[in-house]
PDB file of N, CA and C in Angstrom:
ATOM      1  N   MET A   1     156.272 -62.025 164.332  1.00  0.00           N
ATOM      2  CA  MET A   1     154.862 -61.756 164.021  1.00  0.00           C
ATOM      3  C   MET A   1     154.160 -61.321 165.302  1.00  0.00           C
ATOM      4  N   SER A   2     153.858 -60.049 165.393  1.00  0.00           N
ATOM      5  CA  SER A   2     153.197 -59.611 166.619  1.00  0.00           C
ATOM      6  C   SER A   2     151.717 -59.399 166.346  1.00  0.00           C
ATOM      7  N   GLY A   3     150.943 -59.563 167.399  1.00  0.00           N
ATOM      8  CA  GLY A   3     149.504 -59.437 167.268  1.00  0.00           C
ATOM      9  C   GLY A   3     148.968 -58.510 168.331  1.00  0.00           C
ATOM     10  N   GLN A   4     147.665 -58.355 168.345  1.00  0.00           N
ATOM     11  CA  GLN A   4     147.038 -57.488 169.322  1.00  0.00           C
ATOM     12  C   GLN A   4     146.564 -58.325 170.501  1.00  0.00           C
ATOM     13  N   TYR A   5     147.167 -58.076 171.652  1.00  0.00           N
ATOM     14  CA  TYR A   5     146.717 -58.773 172.850  1.00  0.00           C
ATOM     15  C   TYR A   5     145.470 -58.087 173.402  1.00  0.00           C
ATOM     16  N   LEU A   6     144.752 -58.791 174.213  1.00  0.00           N
ATOM     17  CA  LEU A   6     143.563 -58.247 174.857  1.00  0.00           C
ATOM     18  C   LEU A   6     143.994 -57.495 176.111  1.00  0.00           C
ATOM     19  N   THR A   7     143.421 -56.307 176.323  1.00  0.00           N
ATOM     20  CA  THR A   7     143.651 -55.595 177.582  1.00  0.00           C
ATOM     21  C   THR A   7     142.588 -56.053 178.563  1.00  0.00           C
ATOM     22  N   ALA A   8     143.000 -56.839 179.543  1.00  0.00           N
ATOM     23  CA  ALA A   8     142.063 -57.349 180.546  1.00  0.00           C
ATOM     24  C   ALA A   8     141.888 -56.306 181.648  1.00  0.00           C
ATOM     25  N   THR A   9     140.657 -56.199 182.158  1.00  0.00           N
ATOM     26  CA  THR A   9     140.347 -55.240 183.223  1.00  0.00           C
ATOM     27  C   THR A   9     139.466 -55.915 184.272  1.00  0.00           C
ATOM     28  N   ASP A  10     139.293 -55.243 185.393  1.00  0.00           N
ATOM     29  CA  ASP A  10     138.363 -55.755 186.405  1.00  0.00           C
ATOM     30  C   ASP A  10     136.976 -55.952 185.786  1.00  0.00           C
ATOM     31  N   GLN A  11     136.613 -55.057 184.852  1.00  0.00           N
ATOM     32  CA  GLN A  11     135.266 -55.078 184.251  1.00  0.00           C
ATOM     33  C   GLN A  11     135.073 -56.234 183.273  1.00  0.00           C
ATOM     34  N   ASN A  12     136.086 -56.516 182.443  1.00  0.00           N
ATOM     35  CA  ASN A  12     135.871 -57.523 181.386  1.00  0.00           C
ATOM     36  C   ASN A  12     136.473 -58.885 181.711  1.00  0.00           C
ATOM     37  N   PHE A  13     137.080 -59.032 182.896  1.00  0.00           N
ATOM     38  CA  PHE A  13     137.816 -60.256 183.204  1.00  0.00           C
ATOM     39  C   PHE A  13     136.937 -61.496 183.114  1.00  0.00           C
ATOM     40  N   LYS A  14     135.735 -61.419 183.683  1.00  0.00           N
ATOM     41  CA  LYS A  14     134.847 -62.587 183.665  1.00  0.00           C
ATOM     42  C   LYS A  14     134.453 -62.940 182.231  1.00  0.00           C
ATOM     43  N   SER A  15     133.992 -61.949 181.480  1.00  0.00           N
ATOM     44  CA  SER A  15     133.483 -62.237 180.127  1.00  0.00           C
ATOM     45  C   SER A  15     134.597 -62.646 179.166  1.00  0.00           C
ATOM     46  N   GLU A  16     135.762 -61.986 179.250  1.00  0.00           N
ATOM     47  CA  GLU A  16     136.826 -62.226 178.268  1.00  0.00           C
ATOM     48  C   GLU A  16     137.755 -63.381 178.638  1.00  0.00           C
ATOM     49  N   ILE A  17     137.951 -63.601 179.936  1.00  0.00           N
ATOM     50  CA  ILE A  17     138.915 -64.618 180.373  1.00  0.00           C
ATOM     51  C   ILE A  17     138.204 -65.841 180.949  1.00  0.00           C
ATOM     52  N   LEU A  18     137.435 -65.637 182.006  1.00  0.00           N
ATOM     53  CA  LEU A  18     136.830 -66.768 182.713  1.00  0.00           C
ATOM     54  C   LEU A  18     135.775 -67.480 181.883  1.00  0.00           C
ATOM     55  N   ASP A  19     134.994 -66.720 181.109  1.00  0.00           N
ATOM     56  CA  ASP A  19     133.923 -67.327 180.313  1.00  0.00           C
ATOM     57  C   ASP A  19     134.389 -67.713 178.910  1.00  0.00           C
ATOM     58  N   SER A  20     135.665 -67.498 178.596  1.00  0.00           N
ATOM     59  CA  SER A  20     136.166 -67.810 177.262  1.00  0.00           C
ATOM     60  C   SER A  20     136.174 -69.318 177.027  1.00  0.00           C
ATOM     61  N   ASP A  21     135.899 -69.719 175.790  1.00  0.00           N
ATOM     62  CA  ASP A  21     135.975 -71.148 175.464  1.00  0.00           C
ATOM     63  C   ASP A  21     137.390 -71.528 175.046  1.00  0.00           C
ATOM     64  N   LYS A  22     138.304 -70.550 175.090  1.00  0.00           N
ATOM     65  CA  LYS A  22     139.701 -70.805 174.748  1.00  0.00           C
ATOM     66  C   LYS A  22     140.571 -70.728 176.004  1.00  0.00           C
ATOM     67  N   VAL A  23     141.745 -71.313 175.914  1.00  0.00           N
ATOM     68  CA  VAL A  23     142.756 -71.147 176.949  1.00  0.00           C
ATOM     69  C   VAL A  23     143.162 -69.668 176.943  1.00  0.00           C
ATOM     70  N   ALA A  24     143.379 -69.080 178.121  1.00  0.00           N
ATOM     71  CA  ALA A  24     143.730 -67.666 178.203  1.00  0.00           C
ATOM     72  C   ALA A  24     144.976 -67.459 179.060  1.00  0.00           C
ATOM     73  N   LEU A  25     145.920 -66.680 178.523  1.00  0.00           N
ATOM     74  CA  LEU A  25     147.098 -66.274 179.281  1.00  0.00           C
ATOM     75  C   LEU A  25     146.877 -64.840 179.741  1.00  0.00           C
ATOM     76  N   VAL A  26     147.059 -64.581 181.024  1.00  0.00           N
ATOM     77  CA  VAL A  26     146.950 -63.220 181.540  1.00  0.00           C
ATOM     78  C   VAL A  26     148.296 -62.828 182.137  1.00  0.00           C
ATOM     79  N   ASP A  27     148.867 -61.744 181.593  1.00  0.00           N
ATOM     80  CA  ASP A  27     150.125 -61.199 182.098  1.00  0.00           C
ATOM     81  C   ASP A  27     149.766 -60.054 183.045  1.00  0.00           C
ATOM     82  N   PHE A  28     150.001 -60.246 184.345  1.00  0.00           N
ATOM     83  CA  PHE A  28     149.763 -59.192 185.336  1.00  0.00           C
ATOM     84  C   PHE A  28     151.019 -58.325 185.375  1.00  0.00           C
ATOM     85  N   TRP A  29     150.863 -57.021 185.087  1.00  0.00           N
ATOM     86  CA  TRP A  29     152.010 -56.139 184.922  1.00  0.00           C
ATOM     87  C   TRP A  29     151.706 -54.751 185.485  1.00  0.00           C
ATOM     88  N   ALA A  30     152.731 -53.886 185.502  1.00  0.00           N
ATOM     89  CA  ALA A  30     152.571 -52.480 185.865  1.00  0.00           C
ATOM     90  C   ALA A  30     153.597 -51.658 185.089  1.00  0.00           C
ATOM     91  N   ALA A  31     153.256 -50.391 184.863  1.00  0.00           N
ATOM     92  CA  ALA A  31     154.104 -49.512 184.049  1.00  0.00           C
ATOM     93  C   ALA A  31     155.479 -49.285 184.664  1.00  0.00           C
ATOM     94  N   TRP A  32     155.592 -49.313 185.988  1.00  0.00           N
ATOM     95  CA  TRP A  32     156.854 -49.035 186.677  1.00  0.00           C
ATOM     96  C   TRP A  32     157.754 -50.266 186.820  1.00  0.00           C
ATOM     97  N   CYS A  33     157.288 -51.411 186.335  1.00  0.00           N
ATOM     98  CA  CYS A  33     158.007 -52.667 186.543  1.00  0.00           C
ATOM     99  C   CYS A  33     158.908 -52.970 185.344  1.00  0.00           C
ATOM    100  N   GLY A  34     160.245 -52.927 185.580  1.00  0.00           N
ATOM    101  CA  GLY A  34     161.218 -53.157 184.502  1.00  0.00           C
ATOM    102  C   GLY A  34     161.059 -54.483 183.782  1.00  0.00           C
ATOM    103  N   PRO A  35     161.043 -55.611 184.525  1.00  0.00           N
ATOM    104  CA  PRO A  35     160.867 -56.908 183.865  1.00  0.00           C
ATOM    105  C   PRO A  35     159.553 -57.004 183.089  1.00  0.00           C
ATOM    106  N   CYS A  36     158.522 -56.296 183.562  1.00  0.00           N
ATOM    107  CA  CYS A  36     157.234 -56.289 182.842  1.00  0.00           C
ATOM    108  C   CYS A  36     157.402 -55.642 181.467  1.00  0.00           C
ATOM    109  N   GLN A  37     158.194 -54.570 181.413  1.00  0.00           N
ATOM    110  CA  GLN A  37     158.423 -53.875 180.143  1.00  0.00           C
ATOM    111  C   GLN A  37     159.155 -54.794 179.169  1.00  0.00           C
ATOM    112  N   MET A  38     160.100 -55.582 179.677  1.00  0.00           N
ATOM    113  CA  MET A  38     160.841 -56.515 178.820  1.00  0.00           C
ATOM    114  C   MET A  38     159.922 -57.605 178.267  1.00  0.00           C
ATOM    115  N   LEU A  39     158.924 -57.960 179.044  1.00  0.00           N
ATOM    116  CA  LEU A  39     158.013 -59.029 178.648  1.00  0.00           C
ATOM    117  C   LEU A  39     156.987 -58.560 177.615  1.00  0.00           C
ATOM    118  N   GLY A  40     156.755 -57.238 177.543  1.00  0.00           N
ATOM    119  CA  GLY A  40     155.740 -56.679 176.647  1.00  0.00           C
ATOM    120  C   GLY A  40     155.804 -57.182 175.217  1.00  0.00           C
ATOM    121  N   PRO A  41     156.966 -57.054 174.552  1.00  0.00           N
ATOM    122  CA  PRO A  41     157.080 -57.515 173.158  1.00  0.00           C
ATOM    123  C   PRO A  41     156.839 -59.022 173.010  1.00  0.00           C
ATOM    124  N   VAL A  42     157.221 -59.785 174.026  1.00  0.00           N
ATOM    125  CA  VAL A  42     157.003 -61.238 174.005  1.00  0.00           C
ATOM    126  C   VAL A  42     155.506 -61.529 173.988  1.00  0.00           C
ATOM    127  N   ILE A  43     154.743 -60.796 174.820  1.00  0.00           N
ATOM    128  CA  ILE A  43     153.286 -60.978 174.875  1.00  0.00           C
ATOM    129  C   ILE A  43     152.668 -60.650 173.515  1.00  0.00           C
ATOM    130  N   GLU A  44     153.160 -59.579 172.870  1.00  0.00           N
ATOM    131  CA  GLU A  44     152.643 -59.206 171.548  1.00  0.00           C
ATOM    132  C   GLU A  44     152.927 -60.304 170.525  1.00  0.00           C
ATOM    133  N   GLU A  45     154.126 -60.881 170.578  1.00  0.00           N
ATOM    134  CA  GLU A  45     154.461 -61.966 169.648  1.00  0.00           C
ATOM    135  C   GLU A  45     153.578 -63.192 169.897  1.00  0.00           C
ATOM    136  N   LEU A  46     153.365 -63.511 171.164  1.00  0.00           N
ATOM    137  CA  LEU A  46     152.499 -64.650 171.503  1.00  0.00           C
ATOM    138  C   LEU A  46     151.070 -64.401 171.011  1.00  0.00           C
ATOM    139  N   ALA A  47     150.614 -63.160 171.125  1.00  0.00           N
ATOM    140  CA  ALA A  47     149.264 -62.817 170.659  1.00  0.00           C
ATOM    141  C   ALA A  47     149.131 -63.107 169.169  1.00  0.00           C
ATOM    142  N   GLY A  48     150.186 -62.812 168.404  1.00  0.00           N
ATOM    143  CA  GLY A  48     150.174 -63.097 166.976  1.00  0.00           C
ATOM    144  C   GLY A  48     150.185 -64.589 166.700  1.00  0.00           C
ATOM    145  N   GLU A  49     151.033 -65.302 167.431  1.00  0.00           N
ATOM    146  CA  GLU A  49     151.189 -66.738 167.185  1.00  0.00           C
ATOM    147  C   GLU A  49     149.972 -67.553 167.597  1.00  0.00           C
ATOM    148  N   PHE A  50     149.280 -67.110 168.644  1.00  0.00           N
ATOM    149  CA  PHE A  50     148.149 -67.893 169.155  1.00  0.00           C
ATOM    150  C   PHE A  50     146.793 -67.325 168.734  1.00  0.00           C
ATOM    151  N   GLU A  51     146.809 -66.397 167.778  1.00  0.00           N
ATOM    152  CA  GLU A  51     145.562 -65.792 167.328  1.00  0.00           C
ATOM    153  C   GLU A  51     144.570 -66.868 166.899  1.00  0.00           C
ATOM    154  N   GLY A  52     143.361 -66.814 167.443  1.00  0.00           N
ATOM    155  CA  GLY A  52     142.336 -67.795 167.108  1.00  0.00           C
ATOM    156  C   GLY A  52     142.442 -69.090 167.906  1.00  0.00           C
ATOM    157  N   LYS A  53     143.574 -69.281 168.606  1.00  0.00           N
ATOM    158  CA  LYS A  53     143.765 -70.523 169.358  1.00  0.00           C
ATOM    159  C   LYS A  53     143.708 -70.310 170.867  1.00  0.00           C
ATOM    160  N   ALA A  54     144.169 -69.128 171.305  1.00  0.00           N
ATOM    161  CA  ALA A  54     144.180 -68.814 172.734  1.00  0.00           C
ATOM    162  C   ALA A  54     144.013 -67.311 172.907  1.00  0.00           C
ATOM    163  N   VAL A  55     143.531 -66.910 174.071  1.00  0.00           N
ATOM    164  CA  VAL A  55     143.402 -65.490 174.402  1.00  0.00           C
ATOM    165  C   VAL A  55     144.698 -65.079 175.110  1.00  0.00           C
ATOM    166  N   ILE A  56     145.385 -64.084 174.558  1.00  0.00           N
ATOM    167  CA  ILE A  56     146.607 -63.573 175.177  1.00  0.00           C
ATOM    168  C   ILE A  56     146.285 -62.165 175.677  1.00  0.00           C
ATOM    169  N   SER A  57     146.477 -61.939 176.977  1.00  0.00           N
ATOM    170  CA  SER A  57     146.064 -60.642 177.522  1.00  0.00           C
ATOM    171  C   SER A  57     147.033 -60.116 178.562  1.00  0.00           C
ATOM    172  N   LYS A  58     146.914 -58.810 178.811  1.00  0.00           N
ATOM    173  CA  LYS A  58     147.695 -58.139 179.847  1.00  0.00           C
ATOM    174  C   LYS A  58     146.723 -57.421 180.771  1.00  0.00           C
ATOM    175  N   LEU A  59     147.024 -57.454 182.070  1.00  0.00           N
ATOM    176  CA  LEU A  59     146.195 -56.755 183.039  1.00  0.00           C
ATOM    177  C   LEU A  59     147.099 -55.873 183.899  1.00  0.00           C
ATOM    178  N   ASN A  60     146.835 -54.572 183.862  1.00  0.00           N
ATOM    179  CA  ASN A  60     147.605 -53.610 184.648  1.00  0.00           C
ATOM    180  C   ASN A  60     147.120 -53.667 186.097  1.00  0.00           C
ATOM    181  N   VAL A  61     148.006 -54.098 187.011  1.00  0.00           N
ATOM    182  CA  VAL A  61     147.595 -54.308 188.404  1.00  0.00           C
ATOM    183  C   VAL A  61     147.269 -53.009 189.129  1.00  0.00           C
ATOM    184  N   ASP A  62     147.875 -51.900 188.689  1.00  0.00           N
ATOM    185  CA  ASP A  62     147.574 -50.613 189.324  1.00  0.00           C
ATOM    186  C   ASP A  62     146.181 -50.121 188.960  1.00  0.00           C
ATOM    187  N   GLU A  63     145.772 -50.392 187.715  1.00  0.00           N
ATOM    188  CA  GLU A  63     144.465 -49.932 187.249  1.00  0.00           C
ATOM    189  C   GLU A  63     143.351 -50.920 187.583  1.00  0.00           C
ATOM    190  N   ASN A  64     143.714 -52.165 187.864  1.00  0.00           N
ATOM    191  CA  ASN A  64     142.722 -53.220 188.106  1.00  0.00           C
ATOM    192  C   ASN A  64     143.083 -54.015 189.361  1.00  0.00           C
ATOM    193  N   PRO A  65     143.041 -53.344 190.526  1.00  0.00           N
ATOM    194  CA  PRO A  65     143.516 -53.990 191.752  1.00  0.00           C
ATOM    195  C   PRO A  65     142.629 -55.149 192.214  1.00  0.00           C
ATOM    196  N   ASN A  66     141.355 -55.126 191.866  1.00  0.00           N
ATOM    197  CA  ASN A  66     140.444 -56.172 192.362  1.00  0.00           C
ATOM    198  C   ASN A  66     140.815 -57.545 191.825  1.00  0.00           C
ATOM    199  N   THR A  67     141.044 -57.621 190.511  1.00  0.00           N
ATOM    200  CA  THR A  67     141.383 -58.904 189.900  1.00  0.00           C
ATOM    201  C   THR A  67     142.747 -59.378 190.398  1.00  0.00           C
ATOM    202  N   ALA A  68     143.709 -58.459 190.486  1.00  0.00           N
ATOM    203  CA  ALA A  68     145.044 -58.822 190.980  1.00  0.00           C
ATOM    204  C   ALA A  68     144.949 -59.383 192.398  1.00  0.00           C
ATOM    205  N   ALA A  69     144.150 -58.743 193.239  1.00  0.00           N
ATOM    206  CA  ALA A  69     143.990 -59.199 194.623  1.00  0.00           C
ATOM    207  C   ALA A  69     143.281 -60.548 194.676  1.00  0.00           C
ATOM    208  N   GLN A  70     142.293 -60.715 193.813  1.00  0.00           N
ATOM    209  CA  GLN A  70     141.514 -61.951 193.780  1.00  0.00           C
ATOM    210  C   GLN A  70     142.409 -63.165 193.514  1.00  0.00           C
ATOM    211  N   TYR A  71     143.432 -62.979 192.694  1.00  0.00           N
ATOM    212  CA  TYR A  71     144.326 -64.089 192.353  1.00  0.00           C
ATOM    213  C   TYR A  71     145.638 -64.047 193.144  1.00  0.00           C
ATOM    214  N   GLY A  72     145.697 -63.190 194.170  1.00  0.00           N
ATOM    215  CA  GLY A  72     146.852 -63.164 195.061  1.00  0.00           C
ATOM    216  C   GLY A  72     148.150 -62.790 194.372  1.00  0.00           C
ATOM    217  N   ILE A  73     148.078 -61.865 193.419  1.00  0.00           N
ATOM    218  CA  ILE A  73     149.280 -61.444 192.702  1.00  0.00           C
ATOM    219  C   ILE A  73     150.106 -60.541 193.610  1.00  0.00           C
ATOM    220  N   ARG A  74     151.300 -61.009 193.996  1.00  0.00           N
ATOM    221  CA  ARG A  74     152.155 -60.227 194.895  1.00  0.00           C
ATOM    222  C   ARG A  74     153.401 -59.717 194.206  1.00  0.00           C
ATOM    223  N   SER A  75     153.919 -60.477 193.256  1.00  0.00           N
ATOM    224  CA  SER A  75     155.093 -60.002 192.531  1.00  0.00           C
ATOM    225  C   SER A  75     154.751 -60.021 191.053  1.00  0.00           C
ATOM    226  N   ILE A  76     155.277 -59.035 190.338  1.00  0.00           N
ATOM    227  CA  ILE A  76     155.004 -58.964 188.909  1.00  0.00           C
ATOM    228  C   ILE A  76     156.333 -58.897 188.167  1.00  0.00           C
ATOM    229  N   PRO A  77     156.386 -59.354 186.925  1.00  0.00           N
ATOM    230  CA  PRO A  77     155.239 -59.936 186.212  1.00  0.00           C
ATOM    231  C   PRO A  77     154.892 -61.343 186.724  1.00  0.00           C
ATOM    232  N   THR A  78     153.592 -61.595 186.788  1.00  0.00           N
ATOM    233  CA  THR A  78     153.085 -62.944 187.017  1.00  0.00           C
ATOM    234  C   THR A  78     152.160 -63.256 185.857  1.00  0.00           C
ATOM    235  N   MET A  79     152.303 -64.440 185.280  1.00  0.00           N
ATOM    236  CA  MET A  79     151.397 -64.866 184.206  1.00  0.00           C
ATOM    237  C   MET A  79     150.590 -66.050 184.701  1.00  0.00           C
ATOM    238  N   LEU A  80     149.291 -65.961 184.522  1.00  0.00           N
ATOM    239  CA  LEU A  80     148.410 -67.071 184.856  1.00  0.00           C
ATOM    240  C   LEU A  80     147.796 -67.596 183.571  1.00  0.00           C
ATOM    241  N   ILE A  81     147.641 -68.909 183.482  1.00  0.00           N
ATOM    242  CA  ILE A  81     146.945 -69.513 182.347  1.00  0.00           C
ATOM    243  C   ILE A  81     145.629 -70.066 182.871  1.00  0.00           C
ATOM    244  N   PHE A  82     144.551 -69.658 182.210  1.00  0.00           N
ATOM    245  CA  PHE A  82     143.209 -70.077 182.589  1.00  0.00           C
ATOM    246  C   PHE A  82     142.644 -71.040 181.557  1.00  0.00           C
ATOM    247  N   LYS A  83     141.884 -72.019 182.027  1.00  0.00           N
ATOM    248  CA  LYS A  83     141.164 -72.923 181.142  1.00  0.00           C
ATOM    249  C   LYS A  83     139.835 -73.213 181.815  1.00  0.00           C
ATOM    250  N   ASN A  84     138.753 -72.992 181.098  1.00  0.00           N
ATOM    251  CA  ASN A  84     137.404 -73.190 181.653  1.00  0.00           C
ATOM    252  C   ASN A  84     137.212 -72.434 182.969  1.00  0.00           C
ATOM    253  N   GLY A  85     137.770 -71.211 183.032  1.00  0.00           N
ATOM    254  CA  GLY A  85     137.561 -70.355 184.193  1.00  0.00           C
ATOM    255  C   GLY A  85     138.440 -70.655 185.387  1.00  0.00           C
ATOM    256  N   GLU A  86     139.336 -71.649 185.251  1.00  0.00           N
ATOM    257  CA  GLU A  86     140.203 -72.030 186.369  1.00  0.00           C
ATOM    258  C   GLU A  86     141.667 -71.750 186.034  1.00  0.00           C
ATOM    259  N   VAL A  87     142.456 -71.405 187.056  1.00  0.00           N
ATOM    260  CA  VAL A  87     143.900 -71.241 186.863  1.00  0.00           C
ATOM    261  C   VAL A  87     144.520 -72.634 186.731  1.00  0.00           C
ATOM    262  N   VAL A  88     145.182 -72.892 185.607  1.00  0.00           N
ATOM    263  CA  VAL A  88     145.793 -74.206 185.384  1.00  0.00           C
ATOM    264  C   VAL A  88     147.323 -74.150 185.392  1.00  0.00           C
ATOM    265  N   ASP A  89     147.883 -72.942 185.309  1.00  0.00           N
ATOM    266  CA  ASP A  89     149.332 -72.813 185.357  1.00  0.00           C
ATOM    267  C   ASP A  89     149.683 -71.396 185.783  1.00  0.00           C
ATOM    268  N   GLN A  90     150.894 -71.255 186.334  1.00  0.00           N
ATOM    269  CA  GLN A  90     151.345 -69.954 186.819  1.00  0.00           C
ATOM    270  C   GLN A  90     152.832 -69.817 186.599  1.00  0.00           C
ATOM    271  N   MET A  91     153.260 -68.643 186.135  1.00  0.00           N
ATOM    272  CA  MET A  91     154.675 -68.342 185.948  1.00  0.00           C
ATOM    273  C   MET A  91     154.955 -66.998 186.596  1.00  0.00           C
ATOM    274  N   VAL A  92     155.992 -66.926 187.415  1.00  0.00           N
ATOM    275  CA  VAL A  92     156.351 -65.665 188.048  1.00  0.00           C
ATOM    276  C   VAL A  92     157.684 -65.206 187.492  1.00  0.00           C
ATOM    277  N   GLY A  93     157.751 -63.946 187.084  1.00  0.00           N
ATOM    278  CA  GLY A  93     158.973 -63.388 186.507  1.00  0.00           C
ATOM    279  C   GLY A  93     158.943 -63.440 184.993  1.00  0.00           C
ATOM    280  N   ALA A  94     159.849 -62.700 184.380  1.00  0.00           N
ATOM    281  CA  ALA A  94     159.938 -62.687 182.918  1.00  0.00           C
ATOM    282  C   ALA A  94     160.512 -64.024 182.457  1.00  0.00           C
ATOM    283  N   MET A  95     159.825 -64.657 181.541  1.00  0.00           N
ATOM    284  CA  MET A  95     160.232 -65.971 181.042  1.00  0.00           C
ATOM    285  C   MET A  95     160.504 -65.874 179.546  1.00  0.00           C
ATOM    286  N   PRO A  96     161.341 -66.787 179.015  1.00  0.00           N
ATOM    287  CA  PRO A  96     161.552 -66.811 177.568  1.00  0.00           C
ATOM    288  C   PRO A  96     160.272 -67.212 176.839  1.00  0.00           C
ATOM    289  N   LYS A  97     160.105 -66.660 175.636  1.00  0.00           N
ATOM    290  CA  LYS A  97     158.872 -66.873 174.872  1.00  0.00           C
ATOM    291  C   LYS A  97     158.573 -68.345 174.640  1.00  0.00           C
ATOM    292  N   ASN A  98     159.612 -69.148 174.296  1.00  0.00           N
ATOM    293  CA  ASN A  98     159.346 -70.559 173.987  1.00  0.00           C
ATOM    294  C   ASN A  98     158.791 -71.302 175.206  1.00  0.00           C
ATOM    295  N   MET A  99     159.235 -70.903 176.398  1.00  0.00           N
ATOM    296  CA  MET A  99     158.761 -71.549 177.614  1.00  0.00           C
ATOM    297  C   MET A  99     157.278 -71.210 177.867  1.00  0.00           C
ATOM    298  N   ILE A 100     156.930 -69.963 177.649  1.00  0.00           N
ATOM    299  CA  ILE A 100     155.531 -69.540 177.821  1.00  0.00           C
ATOM    300  C   ILE A 100     154.653 -70.257 176.788  1.00  0.00           C
ATOM    301  N   ALA A 101     155.128 -70.291 175.531  1.00  0.00           N
ATOM    302  CA  ALA A 101     154.371 -70.931 174.451  1.00  0.00           C
ATOM    303  C   ALA A 101     154.143 -72.413 174.747  1.00  0.00           C
ATOM    304  N   GLU A 102     155.164 -73.081 175.289  1.00  0.00           N
ATOM    305  CA  GLU A 102     155.031 -74.505 175.636  1.00  0.00           C
ATOM    306  C   GLU A 102     153.916 -74.715 176.655  1.00  0.00           C
ATOM    307  N   LYS A 103     153.862 -73.826 177.658  1.00  0.00           N
ATOM    308  CA  LYS A 103     152.859 -73.955 178.709  1.00  0.00           C
ATOM    309  C   LYS A 103     151.444 -73.717 178.156  1.00  0.00           C
ATOM    310  N   ILE A 104     151.335 -72.767 177.220  1.00  0.00           N
ATOM    311  CA  ILE A 104     150.023 -72.516 176.592  1.00  0.00           C
ATOM    312  C   ILE A 104     149.617 -73.729 175.747  1.00  0.00           C
ATOM    313  N   ASN A 105     150.558 -74.206 174.923  1.00  0.00           N
ATOM    314  CA  ASN A 105     150.281 -75.367 174.060  1.00  0.00           C
ATOM    315  C   ASN A 105     149.870 -76.597 174.859  1.00  0.00           C
ATOM    316  N   ALA A 106     150.491 -76.767 176.038  1.00  0.00           N
ATOM    317  CA  ALA A 106     150.169 -77.923 176.872  1.00  0.00           C
ATOM    318  C   ALA A 106     148.702 -77.897 177.315  1.00  0.00           C
ATOM    319  N   GLN A 107     148.145 -76.686 177.470  1.00  0.00           N
ATOM    320  CA  GLN A 107     146.744 -76.555 177.893  1.00  0.00           C
ATOM    321  C   GLN A 107     145.784 -76.656 176.710  1.00  0.00           C
ATOM    322  N   ILE A 108     146.246 -76.256 175.523  1.00  0.00           N
ATOM    323  CA  ILE A 108     145.397 -76.330 174.330  1.00  0.00           C
ATOM    324  C   ILE A 108     145.223 -77.783 173.892  1.00  0.00           C
ATOM    325  N   ALA A 109     146.312 -78.537 174.020  1.00  0.00           N
ATOM    326  CA  ALA A 109     146.322 -79.930 173.533  1.00  0.00           C
ATOM    327  C   ALA A 109     145.254 -80.782 174.197  1.00  0.00           C
TER     328      ALA A 109
END
């Protein structure tokens, strides 16, 4: 079951992620990054599974360098989980879907 993830940008990051009343996962990625491409379908599936419960988003680091720099993203893919505007968890590299889902669920609970 795949869903529509949010495309996070430098412009909407505060309103959509930091000010959200839901837990938010942000996948920092780039078009040239192989592991990022593998993670794409996983993010779409998570978006479907967490619809209404969490914000699932992707942020292209090449198009949105300010936000990537602000959070010190050096290697991609990096996924950050935000809650109440704060980073509460971080995963670097492509991870299995169940592991990502567990980390999101731990913050929702």
